[in-house]
Amino acid sequence: QGRKEVHLNDKSELILSPNGVDIGEVKQRPSAEIKQIKDLQEADQNVAILGTIVQSFNPRFFEVCPECGKRVKEEDGVFSCPRHNAVKPDFSYVFNVVVDDGSDNMRCVLFRNQVDKLLNKSKEEMLKYQSSPDDFESVKNDLLGSIVKFAGRVNKNTFFDRLEFLAQMVFPEPDPAEEKERLKVQ
């Protein structure tokens, strides 16, 4: 998508401002532009929406490489990572909600870190729902009516021929004073 990104896993180490290293100029990413759902378009990136969760679905779990976190493929009972070859897979998950902002509604797709933040749950807690999906019903129902802010990008789901919002950041309890001030500026 024309930009650089860094992927880290549980074994990565991040050293802030290491001694003896000159970083140079660091470009700040502009804050996400808030848009109404009705105004979102397929190419939108670094946008934010604020709305009410009106529907939620069960999480879907999938196998990933325990080293790099990439999706692994199973062949003849063996899971393999393109980078790390045969591995004993770990699991990650994706969770979908429908958000309505009064102008329209849209499905929002959240992956592991965003799910954990929205639900205030750890990975270990989430993985328990893999074997006990019925226990997730109360979690789904508790989300309904929650006002949430998501920042991310819009993606075209060609399988269902619809636009979806891919959440990159989640704000489960947006500050009403901040949102009120933002509305005054517009």
N, C-alpha and C. Protein backbone atom coordinates (compact mmCIF):
# COMPACT_ATOMS: atom_id res chain seq x y z
N GLN A 1 0.82 -1.19 0.00
CA GLN A 1 0.00 0.00 0.00
C GLN A 1 0.86 1.25 0.00
N GLY A 2 2.10 1.13 -0.44
CA GLY A 2 2.95 2.29 -0.60
C GLY A 2 3.56 2.84 0.68
N ARG A 3 3.58 2.05 1.72
CA ARG A 3 4.19 2.53 2.97
C ARG A 3 4.92 1.37 3.63
N LYS A 4 5.83 1.72 4.53
CA LYS A 4 6.59 0.70 5.23
C LYS A 4 5.90 0.37 6.54
N GLU A 5 6.04 -0.87 6.98
CA GLU A 5 5.50 -1.25 8.28
C GLU A 5 6.42 -2.27 8.91
N VAL A 6 6.38 -2.33 10.22
CA VAL A 6 7.22 -3.25 10.97
C VAL A 6 6.30 -4.21 11.70
N HIS A 7 6.61 -5.50 11.64
CA HIS A 7 5.84 -6.51 12.35
C HIS A 7 6.67 -7.03 13.52
N LEU A 8 6.07 -7.09 14.68
CA LEU A 8 6.73 -7.59 15.87
C LEU A 8 5.94 -8.77 16.42
N ASN A 9 6.62 -9.68 17.08
CA ASN A 9 5.93 -10.78 17.74
C ASN A 9 6.35 -10.82 19.20
N ASP A 10 5.95 -11.87 19.91
CA ASP A 10 6.22 -11.98 21.34
C ASP A 10 7.72 -12.04 21.65
N LYS A 11 8.52 -12.43 20.68
CA LYS A 11 9.96 -12.56 20.92
C LYS A 11 10.73 -11.33 20.45
N SER A 12 10.04 -10.37 19.89
CA SER A 12 10.69 -9.15 19.42
C SER A 12 11.05 -8.26 20.60
N GLU A 13 12.06 -7.45 20.38
CA GLU A 13 12.47 -6.50 21.42
C GLU A 13 12.47 -5.11 20.79
N LEU A 14 11.84 -4.18 21.47
CA LEU A 14 11.77 -2.80 21.01
C LEU A 14 12.54 -1.93 21.99
N ILE A 15 13.56 -1.25 21.48
CA ILE A 15 14.38 -0.38 22.34
C ILE A 15 14.09 1.06 21.92
N LEU A 16 13.49 1.82 22.83
CA LEU A 16 13.18 3.22 22.56
C LEU A 16 14.44 4.06 22.72
N SER A 17 14.73 4.87 21.73
CA SER A 17 15.87 5.80 21.76
C SER A 17 17.16 5.12 22.22
N PRO A 18 17.64 4.12 21.46
CA PRO A 18 18.87 3.43 21.88
C PRO A 18 20.07 4.38 21.88
N ASN A 19 20.94 4.20 22.85
CA ASN A 19 22.15 5.03 22.96
C ASN A 19 23.02 4.87 21.72
N GLY A 20 23.54 6.00 21.23
CA GLY A 20 24.47 5.98 20.12
C GLY A 20 23.83 5.83 18.75
N VAL A 21 22.50 5.83 18.67
CA VAL A 21 21.84 5.68 17.38
C VAL A 21 21.09 6.97 17.06
N ASP A 22 21.38 7.56 15.89
CA ASP A 22 20.69 8.76 15.47
C ASP A 22 19.55 8.36 14.54
N ILE A 23 18.35 8.58 14.99
CA ILE A 23 17.17 8.16 14.22
C ILE A 23 16.89 9.10 13.07
N GLY A 24 17.20 10.39 13.23
CA GLY A 24 16.88 11.37 12.20
C GLY A 24 15.45 11.85 12.37
N GLU A 25 14.92 12.42 11.31
CA GLU A 25 13.56 12.96 11.38
C GLU A 25 12.54 11.84 11.32
N VAL A 26 11.61 11.87 12.24
CA VAL A 26 10.54 10.89 12.28
C VAL A 26 9.24 11.59 11.89
N LYS A 27 8.62 11.09 10.85
CA LYS A 27 7.35 11.69 10.41
C LYS A 27 6.23 11.18 11.30
N GLN A 28 5.42 12.10 11.75
CA GLN A 28 4.26 11.74 12.57
C GLN A 28 3.10 11.41 11.65
N ARG A 29 2.42 10.35 11.96
CA ARG A 29 1.23 9.99 11.20
C ARG A 29 0.12 10.95 11.60
N PRO A 30 -0.55 11.55 10.63
CA PRO A 30 -1.64 12.45 10.99
C PRO A 30 -2.75 11.68 11.70
N SER A 31 -3.45 12.37 12.60
CA SER A 31 -4.53 11.69 13.29
C SER A 31 -5.62 11.33 12.29
N ALA A 32 -6.33 10.27 12.60
CA ALA A 32 -7.36 9.76 11.70
C ALA A 32 -8.48 10.77 11.52
N GLU A 33 -8.91 10.93 10.28
CA GLU A 33 -10.02 11.83 9.97
C GLU A 33 -11.33 11.12 10.31
N ILE A 34 -12.15 11.76 11.13
CA ILE A 34 -13.46 11.18 11.48
C ILE A 34 -14.40 11.38 10.31
N LYS A 35 -15.08 10.30 9.94
CA LYS A 35 -16.06 10.37 8.86
C LYS A 35 -17.34 9.67 9.29
N GLN A 36 -18.43 10.07 8.67
CA GLN A 36 -19.66 9.32 8.86
C GLN A 36 -19.59 8.09 7.97
N ILE A 37 -20.24 7.03 8.40
CA ILE A 37 -20.20 5.78 7.64
C ILE A 37 -20.71 5.97 6.22
N LYS A 38 -21.75 6.76 6.05
CA LYS A 38 -22.32 6.97 4.70
C LYS A 38 -21.31 7.60 3.74
N ASP A 39 -20.28 8.29 4.28
CA ASP A 39 -19.30 8.97 3.44
C ASP A 39 -18.04 8.16 3.18
N LEU A 40 -17.94 6.97 3.76
CA LEU A 40 -16.74 6.15 3.58
C LEU A 40 -16.68 5.60 2.16
N GLN A 41 -15.44 5.52 1.65
CA GLN A 41 -15.22 4.96 0.32
C GLN A 41 -14.11 3.93 0.39
N GLU A 42 -14.06 3.09 -0.63
CA GLU A 42 -13.14 1.95 -0.63
C GLU A 42 -11.69 2.33 -0.40
N ALA A 43 -11.22 3.44 -0.89
CA ALA A 43 -9.81 3.79 -0.78
C ALA A 43 -9.47 4.51 0.53
N ASP A 44 -10.43 4.73 1.40
CA ASP A 44 -10.18 5.48 2.63
C ASP A 44 -9.23 4.75 3.56
N GLN A 45 -8.19 5.47 3.99
CA GLN A 45 -7.23 4.96 4.97
C GLN A 45 -7.06 6.03 6.04
N ASN A 46 -6.65 5.60 7.22
CA ASN A 46 -6.44 6.50 8.34
C ASN A 46 -7.69 7.34 8.60
N VAL A 47 -8.82 6.66 8.67
CA VAL A 47 -10.09 7.30 8.99
C VAL A 47 -10.63 6.69 10.28
N ALA A 48 -11.54 7.41 10.91
CA ALA A 48 -12.14 6.94 12.15
C ALA A 48 -13.65 7.05 12.05
N ILE A 49 -14.32 6.13 12.72
CA ILE A 49 -15.78 6.18 12.82
C ILE A 49 -16.15 6.06 14.29
N LEU A 50 -17.26 6.67 14.64
CA LEU A 50 -17.77 6.63 15.99
C LEU A 50 -19.22 6.20 15.88
N GLY A 51 -19.58 5.12 16.56
CA GLY A 51 -20.95 4.65 16.45
C GLY A 51 -21.30 3.65 17.53
N THR A 52 -22.49 3.13 17.41
CA THR A 52 -23.03 2.17 18.37
C THR A 52 -22.96 0.77 17.80
N ILE A 53 -22.51 -0.17 18.60
CA ILE A 53 -22.48 -1.57 18.17
C ILE A 53 -23.91 -2.10 18.21
N VAL A 54 -24.40 -2.52 17.04
CA VAL A 54 -25.78 -3.00 16.94
C VAL A 54 -25.86 -4.51 16.68
N GLN A 55 -24.73 -5.11 16.36
CA GLN A 55 -24.70 -6.56 16.14
C GLN A 55 -23.27 -7.05 16.35
N SER A 56 -23.12 -8.25 16.89
CA SER A 56 -21.79 -8.84 17.04
C SER A 56 -21.88 -10.32 16.73
N PHE A 57 -20.78 -10.89 16.36
CA PHE A 57 -20.73 -12.28 15.90
C PHE A 57 -19.74 -13.06 16.75
N ASN A 58 -19.75 -14.37 16.62
CA ASN A 58 -18.77 -15.19 17.32
C ASN A 58 -17.39 -14.99 16.70
N PRO A 59 -16.36 -15.04 17.52
CA PRO A 59 -15.01 -14.94 16.95
C PRO A 59 -14.69 -16.19 16.13
N ARG A 60 -13.82 -16.01 15.15
CA ARG A 60 -13.33 -17.15 14.36
C ARG A 60 -11.84 -17.31 14.68
N PHE A 61 -11.44 -18.53 14.91
CA PHE A 61 -10.07 -18.84 15.30
C PHE A 61 -9.34 -19.47 14.12
N PHE A 62 -8.05 -19.19 14.01
CA PHE A 62 -7.27 -19.76 12.92
C PHE A 62 -5.83 -19.98 13.38
N GLU A 63 -5.16 -20.91 12.71
CA GLU A 63 -3.80 -21.30 13.08
C GLU A 63 -2.79 -20.30 12.54
N VAL A 64 -1.80 -19.99 13.40
CA VAL A 64 -0.72 -19.08 13.01
C VAL A 64 0.61 -19.66 13.48
N CYS A 65 1.68 -19.18 12.86
CA CYS A 65 3.03 -19.59 13.25
C CYS A 65 3.35 -19.00 14.63
N PRO A 66 3.84 -19.81 15.56
CA PRO A 66 4.18 -19.29 16.88
C PRO A 66 5.39 -18.35 16.86
N GLU A 67 6.18 -18.40 15.78
CA GLU A 67 7.37 -17.55 15.69
C GLU A 67 7.06 -16.17 15.11
N CYS A 68 6.38 -16.14 13.96
CA CYS A 68 6.18 -14.86 13.27
C CYS A 68 4.72 -14.39 13.27
N GLY A 69 3.79 -15.27 13.67
CA GLY A 69 2.38 -14.87 13.73
C GLY A 69 1.65 -14.93 12.41
N LYS A 70 2.32 -15.34 11.33
CA LYS A 70 1.67 -15.44 10.03
C LYS A 70 0.78 -16.68 9.99
N ARG A 71 -0.23 -16.63 9.15
CA ARG A 71 -1.14 -17.76 8.99
C ARG A 71 -0.36 -18.96 8.46
N VAL A 72 -0.66 -20.15 8.99
CA VAL A 72 0.01 -21.36 8.53
C VAL A 72 -0.99 -22.22 7.76
N LYS A 73 -0.45 -23.07 6.92
CA LYS A 73 -1.30 -23.98 6.14
C LYS A 73 -1.05 -25.40 6.58
N GLU A 74 -2.15 -26.17 6.59
CA GLU A 74 -2.03 -27.57 6.98
C GLU A 74 -2.04 -28.44 5.72
N GLU A 75 -1.11 -29.37 5.69
CA GLU A 75 -1.05 -30.32 4.60
C GLU A 75 -0.65 -31.67 5.17
N ASP A 76 -1.51 -32.65 5.01
CA ASP A 76 -1.27 -34.00 5.53
C ASP A 76 -0.99 -34.00 7.04
N GLY A 77 -1.74 -33.19 7.78
CA GLY A 77 -1.60 -33.15 9.23
C GLY A 77 -0.42 -32.36 9.76
N VAL A 78 0.33 -31.72 8.86
CA VAL A 78 1.49 -30.93 9.26
C VAL A 78 1.22 -29.46 8.91
N PHE A 79 1.42 -28.60 9.91
CA PHE A 79 1.25 -27.17 9.68
C PHE A 79 2.60 -26.58 9.30
N SER A 80 2.59 -25.76 8.24
CA SER A 80 3.86 -25.18 7.81
C SER A 80 3.71 -23.68 7.58
N CYS A 81 4.79 -23.01 7.96
CA CYS A 81 4.93 -21.57 7.78
C CYS A 81 5.90 -21.36 6.63
N PRO A 82 5.62 -20.43 5.73
CA PRO A 82 6.55 -20.20 4.62
C PRO A 82 7.95 -19.82 5.08
N ARG A 83 8.05 -19.24 6.27
CA ARG A 83 9.34 -18.77 6.77
C ARG A 83 9.99 -19.75 7.74
N HIS A 84 9.17 -20.46 8.54
CA HIS A 84 9.71 -21.32 9.59
C HIS A 84 9.44 -22.81 9.38
N ASN A 85 8.96 -23.17 8.20
CA ASN A 85 8.70 -24.57 7.83
C ASN A 85 7.68 -25.22 8.76
N ALA A 86 7.89 -26.47 9.16
CA ALA A 86 6.92 -27.19 9.99
C ALA A 86 6.90 -26.61 11.41
N VAL A 87 5.69 -26.30 11.89
CA VAL A 87 5.55 -25.70 13.22
C VAL A 87 4.34 -26.31 13.94
N LYS A 88 4.37 -26.23 15.25
CA LYS A 88 3.19 -26.54 16.04
C LYS A 88 2.43 -25.22 16.14
N PRO A 89 1.24 -25.14 15.54
CA PRO A 89 0.59 -23.84 15.42
C PRO A 89 0.10 -23.25 16.74
N ASP A 90 0.08 -21.95 16.77
CA ASP A 90 -0.59 -21.17 17.81
C ASP A 90 -1.91 -20.74 17.18
N PHE A 91 -2.75 -20.03 17.93
CA PHE A 91 -4.02 -19.59 17.38
C PHE A 91 -4.18 -18.08 17.51
N SER A 92 -4.83 -17.50 16.53
CA SER A 92 -5.23 -16.12 16.58
C SER A 92 -6.72 -16.09 16.27
N TYR A 93 -7.30 -14.89 16.21
CA TYR A 93 -8.74 -14.82 16.03
C TYR A 93 -9.13 -13.49 15.39
N VAL A 94 -10.32 -13.53 14.80
CA VAL A 94 -10.92 -12.36 14.17
C VAL A 94 -12.35 -12.26 14.70
N PHE A 95 -12.82 -11.04 14.87
CA PHE A 95 -14.14 -10.79 15.46
C PHE A 95 -14.80 -9.67 14.66
N ASN A 96 -16.07 -9.81 14.37
CA ASN A 96 -16.81 -8.82 13.59
C ASN A 96 -17.95 -8.23 14.41
N VAL A 97 -18.14 -6.93 14.26
CA VAL A 97 -19.28 -6.23 14.83
C VAL A 97 -19.87 -5.33 13.75
N VAL A 98 -21.12 -4.98 13.90
CA VAL A 98 -21.75 -4.00 13.02
C VAL A 98 -21.94 -2.73 13.84
N VAL A 99 -21.47 -1.61 13.27
CA VAL A 99 -21.55 -0.32 13.94
C VAL A 99 -22.48 0.59 13.15
N ASP A 100 -23.33 1.32 13.87
CA ASP A 100 -24.26 2.27 13.26
C ASP A 100 -23.98 3.64 13.84
N ASP A 101 -23.80 4.64 12.97
CA ASP A 101 -23.53 6.00 13.45
C ASP A 101 -24.69 6.96 13.18
N GLY A 102 -25.83 6.43 12.79
CA GLY A 102 -26.98 7.27 12.48
C GLY A 102 -27.08 7.63 11.01
N SER A 103 -25.94 7.58 10.30
CA SER A 103 -25.97 7.86 8.86
C SER A 103 -26.09 6.57 8.06
N ASP A 104 -25.55 5.48 8.62
CA ASP A 104 -25.56 4.16 7.98
C ASP A 104 -24.92 3.20 8.96
N ASN A 105 -24.78 1.94 8.55
CA ASN A 105 -24.08 0.97 9.40
C ASN A 105 -23.06 0.23 8.56
N MET A 106 -22.07 -0.36 9.23
CA MET A 106 -21.00 -1.05 8.52
C MET A 106 -20.42 -2.14 9.42
N ARG A 107 -20.03 -3.23 8.78
CA ARG A 107 -19.33 -4.31 9.48
C ARG A 107 -17.91 -3.86 9.74
N CYS A 108 -17.46 -4.05 10.98
CA CYS A 108 -16.08 -3.74 11.37
C CYS A 108 -15.38 -5.04 11.70
N VAL A 109 -14.19 -5.21 11.17
CA VAL A 109 -13.40 -6.42 11.35
C VAL A 109 -12.26 -6.09 12.30
N LEU A 110 -12.14 -6.90 13.36
CA LEU A 110 -11.10 -6.69 14.35
C LEU A 110 -10.27 -7.97 14.47
N PHE A 111 -8.95 -7.81 14.47
CA PHE A 111 -8.08 -8.95 14.70
C PHE A 111 -7.60 -8.92 16.14
N ARG A 112 -6.81 -9.89 16.53
CA ARG A 112 -6.51 -10.22 17.92
C ARG A 112 -6.30 -9.02 18.85
N ASN A 113 -5.34 -8.17 18.58
CA ASN A 113 -5.06 -7.07 19.51
C ASN A 113 -6.24 -6.13 19.67
N GLN A 114 -6.93 -5.85 18.58
CA GLN A 114 -8.09 -4.98 18.65
C GLN A 114 -9.25 -5.65 19.39
N VAL A 115 -9.40 -6.96 19.20
CA VAL A 115 -10.43 -7.72 19.93
C VAL A 115 -10.15 -7.66 21.42
N ASP A 116 -8.90 -7.92 21.78
CA ASP A 116 -8.51 -7.91 23.19
C ASP A 116 -8.82 -6.56 23.84
N LYS A 117 -8.54 -5.49 23.10
CA LYS A 117 -8.79 -4.15 23.65
C LYS A 117 -10.28 -3.86 23.75
N LEU A 118 -11.04 -4.19 22.71
CA LEU A 118 -12.48 -3.93 22.74
C LEU A 118 -13.16 -4.68 23.87
N LEU A 119 -12.80 -5.95 24.03
CA LEU A 119 -13.47 -6.80 25.01
C LEU A 119 -12.80 -6.78 26.38
N ASN A 120 -11.62 -6.14 26.47
CA ASN A 120 -10.84 -6.12 27.70
C ASN A 120 -10.57 -7.55 28.19
N LYS A 121 -10.08 -8.36 27.25
CA LYS A 121 -9.77 -9.76 27.55
C LYS A 121 -8.36 -10.07 27.07
N SER A 122 -7.76 -11.05 27.71
CA SER A 122 -6.43 -11.51 27.29
C SER A 122 -6.58 -12.57 26.19
N LYS A 123 -5.49 -12.86 25.54
CA LYS A 123 -5.49 -13.91 24.52
C LYS A 123 -5.93 -15.24 25.14
N GLU A 124 -5.44 -15.54 26.33
CA GLU A 124 -5.78 -16.80 26.99
C GLU A 124 -7.31 -16.89 27.26
N GLU A 125 -7.89 -15.77 27.70
CA GLU A 125 -9.33 -15.75 27.93
C GLU A 125 -10.09 -15.96 26.62
N MET A 126 -9.63 -15.33 25.56
CA MET A 126 -10.30 -15.47 24.26
C MET A 126 -10.21 -16.89 23.74
N LEU A 127 -9.05 -17.53 23.90
CA LEU A 127 -8.88 -18.88 23.36
C LEU A 127 -9.80 -19.89 24.05
N LYS A 128 -10.26 -19.60 25.26
CA LYS A 128 -11.20 -20.49 25.94
C LYS A 128 -12.53 -20.58 25.18
N TYR A 129 -12.88 -19.49 24.48
CA TYR A 129 -14.14 -19.49 23.71
C TYR A 129 -14.05 -20.39 22.48
N GLN A 130 -12.85 -20.78 22.10
CA GLN A 130 -12.69 -21.67 20.95
C GLN A 130 -13.35 -23.02 21.23
N SER A 131 -13.19 -23.51 22.46
CA SER A 131 -13.79 -24.80 22.81
C SER A 131 -15.16 -24.65 23.48
N SER A 132 -15.51 -23.41 23.87
CA SER A 132 -16.81 -23.17 24.52
C SER A 132 -17.48 -21.95 23.90
N PRO A 133 -17.89 -22.04 22.62
CA PRO A 133 -18.47 -20.87 21.95
C PRO A 133 -19.76 -20.37 22.59
N ASP A 134 -20.51 -21.24 23.24
CA ASP A 134 -21.75 -20.79 23.88
C ASP A 134 -21.48 -19.80 25.01
N ASP A 135 -20.31 -19.91 25.64
CA ASP A 135 -19.95 -18.98 26.72
C ASP A 135 -19.74 -17.56 26.21
N PHE A 136 -19.58 -17.40 24.89
CA PHE A 136 -19.33 -16.09 24.32
C PHE A 136 -20.63 -15.28 24.14
N GLU A 137 -21.77 -15.94 24.23
CA GLU A 137 -23.05 -15.26 24.02
C GLU A 137 -23.21 -14.04 24.91
N SER A 138 -22.88 -14.17 26.18
CA SER A 138 -23.05 -13.04 27.10
C SER A 138 -22.10 -11.90 26.74
N VAL A 139 -20.90 -12.22 26.26
CA VAL A 139 -19.94 -11.19 25.85
C VAL A 139 -20.51 -10.43 24.65
N LYS A 140 -21.05 -11.15 23.67
CA LYS A 140 -21.65 -10.51 22.50
C LYS A 140 -22.81 -9.60 22.90
N ASN A 141 -23.67 -10.11 23.77
CA ASN A 141 -24.84 -9.34 24.17
C ASN A 141 -24.46 -8.09 24.97
N ASP A 142 -23.43 -8.19 25.80
CA ASP A 142 -22.99 -7.05 26.59
C ASP A 142 -22.45 -5.91 25.72
N LEU A 143 -21.97 -6.25 24.53
CA LEU A 143 -21.44 -5.22 23.62
C LEU A 143 -22.53 -4.38 22.97
N LEU A 144 -23.70 -4.96 22.80
CA LEU A 144 -24.77 -4.27 22.09
C LEU A 144 -25.11 -2.96 22.78
N GLY A 145 -25.19 -1.90 22.00
CA GLY A 145 -25.49 -0.59 22.54
C GLY A 145 -24.26 0.20 22.98
N SER A 146 -23.08 -0.42 22.94
CA SER A 146 -21.85 0.28 23.33
C SER A 146 -21.45 1.27 22.25
N ILE A 147 -21.06 2.46 22.67
CA ILE A 147 -20.55 3.46 21.73
C ILE A 147 -19.04 3.30 21.68
N VAL A 148 -18.53 3.11 20.47
CA VAL A 148 -17.11 2.80 20.27
C VAL A 148 -16.57 3.64 19.12
N LYS A 149 -15.29 3.95 19.21
CA LYS A 149 -14.60 4.66 18.12
C LYS A 149 -13.55 3.71 17.55
N PHE A 150 -13.53 3.58 16.23
CA PHE A 150 -12.55 2.75 15.55
C PHE A 150 -11.76 3.63 14.59
N ALA A 151 -10.46 3.39 14.50
CA ALA A 151 -9.62 4.04 13.48
C ALA A 151 -9.05 2.92 12.62
N GLY A 152 -8.98 3.15 11.33
CA GLY A 152 -8.47 2.12 10.44
C GLY A 152 -8.66 2.49 8.99
N ARG A 153 -9.03 1.48 8.20
CA ARG A 153 -9.20 1.70 6.77
C ARG A 153 -10.41 0.94 6.26
N VAL A 154 -10.86 1.35 5.10
CA VAL A 154 -12.02 0.71 4.47
C VAL A 154 -11.50 -0.28 3.44
N ASN A 155 -12.12 -1.44 3.41
CA ASN A 155 -11.72 -2.50 2.49
C ASN A 155 -12.96 -3.03 1.77
N LYS A 156 -12.80 -3.41 0.52
CA LYS A 156 -13.90 -4.01 -0.23
C LYS A 156 -13.83 -5.53 -0.04
N ASN A 157 -14.87 -6.11 0.53
CA ASN A 157 -14.97 -7.55 0.64
C ASN A 157 -15.63 -8.04 -0.65
N THR A 158 -14.82 -8.57 -1.56
CA THR A 158 -15.34 -8.96 -2.87
C THR A 158 -16.23 -10.19 -2.79
N PHE A 159 -16.01 -11.03 -1.79
CA PHE A 159 -16.83 -12.23 -1.64
C PHE A 159 -18.29 -11.85 -1.37
N PHE A 160 -18.51 -10.85 -0.50
CA PHE A 160 -19.86 -10.42 -0.17
C PHE A 160 -20.25 -9.12 -0.88
N ASP A 161 -19.35 -8.57 -1.69
CA ASP A 161 -19.59 -7.33 -2.43
C ASP A 161 -20.07 -6.21 -1.51
N ARG A 162 -19.26 -5.94 -0.48
CA ARG A 162 -19.60 -4.86 0.46
C ARG A 162 -18.32 -4.22 1.00
N LEU A 163 -18.46 -3.00 1.45
CA LEU A 163 -17.36 -2.33 2.12
C LEU A 163 -17.35 -2.74 3.58
N GLU A 164 -16.15 -2.92 4.13
CA GLU A 164 -15.97 -3.25 5.54
C GLU A 164 -14.91 -2.33 6.11
N PHE A 165 -14.97 -2.14 7.41
CA PHE A 165 -14.00 -1.29 8.10
C PHE A 165 -13.01 -2.19 8.83
N LEU A 166 -11.73 -2.11 8.48
CA LEU A 166 -10.69 -2.89 9.15
C LEU A 166 -10.10 -2.04 10.26
N ALA A 167 -10.43 -2.40 11.49
CA ALA A 167 -10.00 -1.61 12.64
C ALA A 167 -8.52 -1.84 12.94
N GLN A 168 -7.78 -0.75 13.04
CA GLN A 168 -6.37 -0.81 13.42
C GLN A 168 -6.17 -0.29 14.83
N MET A 169 -7.13 0.54 15.28
CA MET A 169 -7.12 1.03 16.66
C MET A 169 -8.55 1.05 17.16
N VAL A 170 -8.70 0.76 18.46
CA VAL A 170 -10.02 0.68 19.07
C VAL A 170 -10.04 1.58 20.30
N PHE A 171 -11.09 2.35 20.41
CA PHE A 171 -11.30 3.21 21.58
C PHE A 171 -12.65 2.81 22.18
N PRO A 172 -12.65 1.82 23.13
CA PRO A 172 -13.91 1.27 23.64
C PRO A 172 -14.74 2.27 24.44
N GLU A 173 -14.11 3.27 24.98
CA GLU A 173 -14.86 4.27 25.76
C GLU A 173 -14.41 5.66 25.33
N PRO A 174 -14.88 6.12 24.15
CA PRO A 174 -14.44 7.44 23.68
C PRO A 174 -14.86 8.54 24.67
N ASP A 175 -14.01 9.54 24.79
CA ASP A 175 -14.24 10.64 25.71
C ASP A 175 -15.34 11.56 25.15
N PRO A 176 -16.50 11.65 25.81
CA PRO A 176 -17.59 12.49 25.30
C PRO A 176 -17.19 13.96 25.14
N ALA A 177 -16.39 14.50 26.06
CA ALA A 177 -15.97 15.90 25.95
C ALA A 177 -15.11 16.11 24.71
N GLU A 178 -14.22 15.17 24.44
CA GLU A 178 -13.36 15.26 23.26
C GLU A 178 -14.19 15.18 21.99
N GLU A 179 -15.15 14.29 21.94
CA GLU A 179 -16.00 14.14 20.76
C GLU A 179 -16.89 15.37 20.56
N LYS A 180 -17.37 15.94 21.66
CA LYS A 180 -18.19 17.16 21.58
C LYS A 180 -17.35 18.30 21.00
N GLU A 181 -16.11 18.42 21.46
CA GLU A 181 -15.22 19.47 20.97
C GLU A 181 -14.92 19.26 19.48
N ARG A 182 -14.73 18.03 19.08
CA ARG A 182 -14.47 17.71 17.67
C ARG A 182 -15.64 18.14 16.80
N LEU A 183 -16.86 17.91 17.28
CA LEU A 183 -18.05 18.29 16.52
C LEU A 183 -18.16 19.81 16.36
N LYS A 184 -17.70 20.55 17.35
CA LYS A 184 -17.73 22.03 17.26
C LYS A 184 -16.81 22.51 16.15
N VAL A 185 -15.68 21.84 15.97
CA VAL A 185 -14.68 22.25 14.99
C VAL A 185 -15.19 22.01 13.57
N GLN A 186 -15.97 20.98 13.36
CA GLN A 186 -16.42 20.63 12.00
C GLN A 186 -17.40 21.60 11.44
